[in-house]
Amino acid sequence: MTWADSDLERARGAANTDRGSLTRLSFARRIFPGLLAAAATAGVIVGDGWRSGSAWTTFIELGAASLAASIGSAYPSIVLAMVGLSIHAFWFVVWGLCFTAVARSLRGGKLFIAAAIVTATLWVLARAVFPFALGAAELSLMSAAHAVLYVVTIAVALTIGTRLARYA
């Protein structure tokens, strides 16, 4: 038996022929596009907040809105910011999982077009049905240009995250 005939080499060969398929990705690799989108969009929100002098205010407000059920309790702003950032990341992980399920066999430009369509759908969903569907964006006071940057960032991050998850 040669090295090329070993079970390890056959497994590597099978993995290489299946490159690009999301069907065999682990859960951790499936959430990567959402985590990348969460980080990128959080950067847009923080950058927009720095312009107005309050970088973390949006996440603090999201955390305060989610902890409003426990009235009478005072939380430090760092706790509220971490809760808000966690909620923001949670939503993007959900959307990343949904996108990887939809974009299972897409490549190149079709992958980006699918990401743009999914992002536009999420934007409409956030505006019409569920305000926090796009994380902390609803609480930020973004200008129209920053809102477009936010949406484009989601589409690009989902596309790049999906490609990286496939080939990592």
Protein backbone atom coordinates (compact mmCIF):
# COMPACT_ATOMS: atom_id res chain seq x y z
CA MET A 1 0.00 0.00 0.00
CA THR A 2 1.38 3.40 -0.97
CA TRP A 3 0.83 6.74 0.67
CA ALA A 4 -1.61 7.76 -2.09
CA ASP A 5 -3.77 4.71 -1.29
CA SER A 6 -4.06 5.46 2.41
CA ASP A 7 -7.38 6.41 3.97
CA LEU A 8 -6.04 9.83 4.90
CA GLU A 9 -5.07 10.64 1.31
CA ARG A 10 -8.40 9.38 -0.03
CA ALA A 11 -10.21 11.57 2.50
CA ARG A 12 -8.14 14.59 1.44
CA GLY A 13 -8.90 13.87 -2.20
CA ALA A 14 -12.63 13.65 -1.46
CA ALA A 15 -12.49 16.90 0.50
CA ASN A 16 -10.69 18.64 -2.37
CA THR A 17 -13.25 17.52 -4.92
CA ASP A 18 -16.02 18.83 -2.68
CA ARG A 19 -14.39 22.26 -2.22
CA GLY A 20 -16.90 25.06 -2.41
CA SER A 21 -19.87 23.05 -1.23
CA LEU A 22 -21.63 24.33 1.84
CA THR A 23 -23.34 21.01 2.46
CA ARG A 24 -20.36 19.66 4.43
CA LEU A 25 -19.43 22.81 6.31
CA SER A 26 -19.40 22.64 10.06
CA PHE A 27 -21.71 24.88 12.06
CA ALA A 28 -18.80 27.17 12.96
CA ARG A 29 -18.03 27.73 9.29
CA ARG A 30 -21.70 28.35 8.52
CA ILE A 31 -21.93 31.18 11.06
CA PHE A 32 -18.77 32.87 9.80
CA PRO A 33 -20.53 35.01 7.14
CA GLY A 34 -22.91 36.33 9.79
CA LEU A 35 -20.09 37.09 12.22
CA LEU A 36 -18.19 38.93 9.49
CA ALA A 37 -21.33 40.91 8.61
CA ALA A 38 -21.92 41.69 12.30
CA ALA A 39 -18.38 42.97 12.73
CA ALA A 40 -18.46 45.00 9.53
CA THR A 41 -21.83 46.60 10.25
CA ALA A 42 -20.88 47.28 13.86
CA GLY A 43 -17.88 49.12 12.43
CA VAL A 44 -20.16 51.22 10.25
CA ILE A 45 -22.37 52.05 13.24
CA VAL A 46 -19.42 52.90 15.50
CA GLY A 47 -17.83 54.98 12.73
CA ASP A 48 -21.08 56.86 12.23
CA GLY A 49 -21.34 57.35 16.00
CA TRP A 50 -17.81 58.75 16.25
CA ARG A 51 -18.81 61.42 13.79
CA SER A 52 -21.50 62.56 16.20
CA GLY A 53 -19.33 62.05 19.28
CA SER A 54 -21.07 58.98 20.69
CA ALA A 55 -19.62 55.84 19.16
CA TRP A 56 -21.32 53.25 21.39
CA THR A 57 -24.62 55.02 22.04
CA THR A 58 -26.52 52.90 19.51
CA PHE A 59 -25.46 49.66 21.18
CA ILE A 60 -26.16 51.09 24.64
CA GLU A 61 -29.68 52.04 23.51
CA LEU A 62 -30.26 48.57 22.01
CA GLY A 63 -29.08 46.96 25.26
CA ALA A 64 -31.28 49.26 27.31
CA ALA A 65 -34.29 48.50 25.09
CA SER A 66 -33.76 44.77 25.52
CA LEU A 67 -33.28 45.00 29.28
CA ALA A 68 -36.29 47.31 29.72
CA ALA A 69 -38.30 44.41 31.16
CA SER A 70 -36.28 44.61 34.34
CA ILE A 71 -37.46 48.09 35.31
CA GLY A 72 -35.96 49.41 38.48
CA SER A 73 -32.55 47.96 37.73
CA ALA A 74 -29.73 50.21 36.72
CA TYR A 75 -27.07 48.74 34.47
CA PRO A 76 -23.69 50.24 33.71
CA SER A 77 -23.34 51.51 30.17
CA ILE A 78 -20.65 48.91 29.39
CA VAL A 79 -23.12 46.11 30.22
CA LEU A 80 -25.79 47.72 28.05
CA ALA A 81 -23.29 48.14 25.21
CA MET A 82 -22.23 44.48 25.40
CA VAL A 83 -25.86 43.32 25.49
CA GLY A 84 -26.64 45.54 22.50
CA LEU A 85 -23.59 44.31 20.59
CA SER A 86 -24.52 40.70 21.39
CA ILE A 87 -28.04 41.21 20.05
CA HIS A 88 -26.63 42.84 16.93
CA ALA A 89 -24.24 39.91 16.40
CA PHE A 90 -27.01 37.38 17.06
CA TRP A 91 -29.19 38.81 14.30
CA PHE A 92 -26.37 38.77 11.80
CA VAL A 93 -25.44 35.20 12.68
CA VAL A 94 -29.07 34.25 11.98
CA TRP A 95 -28.99 36.08 8.64
CA GLY A 96 -25.62 34.53 7.81
CA LEU A 97 -27.00 31.05 8.45
CA CYS A 98 -30.01 31.83 6.26
CA PHE A 99 -27.79 33.20 3.51
CA THR A 100 -25.47 30.19 3.49
CA ALA A 101 -28.52 27.98 3.13
CA VAL A 102 -29.75 30.03 0.16
CA ALA A 103 -26.35 30.50 -1.49
CA ARG A 104 -25.31 26.87 -1.31
CA SER A 105 -24.31 26.51 -4.96
CA LEU A 106 -23.81 30.11 -6.08
CA ARG A 107 -20.46 31.48 -7.23
CA GLY A 108 -18.96 34.79 -8.33
CA GLY A 109 -21.35 37.51 -9.41
CA LYS A 110 -24.41 35.36 -8.72
CA LEU A 111 -23.30 35.06 -5.10
CA PHE A 112 -23.07 38.84 -4.73
CA ILE A 113 -26.41 39.37 -6.50
CA ALA A 114 -28.01 36.86 -4.11
CA ALA A 115 -26.43 38.71 -1.17
CA ALA A 116 -27.79 42.02 -2.49
CA ILE A 117 -31.28 40.55 -2.89
CA VAL A 118 -31.21 39.00 0.59
CA THR A 119 -29.94 42.28 2.06
CA ALA A 120 -32.65 44.30 0.29
CA THR A 121 -35.24 41.84 1.60
CA LEU A 122 -33.86 42.23 5.11
CA TRP A 123 -33.98 46.01 4.78
CA VAL A 124 -37.65 45.87 3.74
CA LEU A 125 -38.36 43.40 6.56
CA ALA A 126 -36.70 45.75 9.05
CA ARG A 127 -38.66 48.74 7.78
CA ALA A 128 -42.06 47.07 7.44
CA VAL A 129 -42.30 44.29 9.98
CA PHE A 130 -39.54 43.97 12.56
CA PRO A 131 -37.43 47.06 13.28
CA PHE A 132 -34.48 45.26 14.88
CA ALA A 133 -34.04 42.72 12.07
CA LEU A 134 -30.86 44.53 11.02
CA GLY A 135 -29.41 44.73 14.49
CA ALA A 136 -28.65 48.13 15.92
CA ALA A 137 -29.23 50.01 12.66
CA GLU A 138 -32.75 51.03 13.64
CA LEU A 139 -31.50 52.94 16.68
CA SER A 140 -28.65 54.71 14.94
CA LEU A 141 -29.20 58.12 13.44
CA MET A 142 -27.58 57.31 10.11
CA SER A 143 -27.70 59.67 7.21
CA ALA A 144 -28.98 58.30 3.90
CA ALA A 145 -25.40 57.81 2.69
CA HIS A 146 -24.48 55.85 5.80
CA ALA A 147 -27.62 53.72 5.45
CA VAL A 148 -26.58 52.82 1.90
CA LEU A 149 -23.06 52.07 3.16
CA TYR A 150 -24.58 49.86 5.87
CA VAL A 151 -26.65 47.86 3.39
CA VAL A 152 -23.78 47.47 0.92
CA THR A 153 -21.51 46.39 3.78
CA ILE A 154 -23.96 43.62 4.65
CA ALA A 155 -24.05 42.32 1.07
CA VAL A 156 -20.26 42.45 0.68
CA ALA A 157 -19.64 40.84 4.08
CA LEU A 158 -22.07 38.00 3.39
CA THR A 159 -20.45 37.39 0.01
CA ILE A 160 -16.88 37.44 1.29
CA GLY A 161 -17.80 35.49 4.42
CA THR A 162 -19.45 32.76 2.37
CA ARG A 163 -16.45 32.50 0.07
CA LEU A 164 -14.03 32.37 2.98
CA ALA A 165 -16.12 29.73 4.76
CA ARG A 166 -16.05 27.56 1.66
CA TYR A 167 -12.32 27.74 1.09
CA ALA A 168 -10.97 28.09 4.62
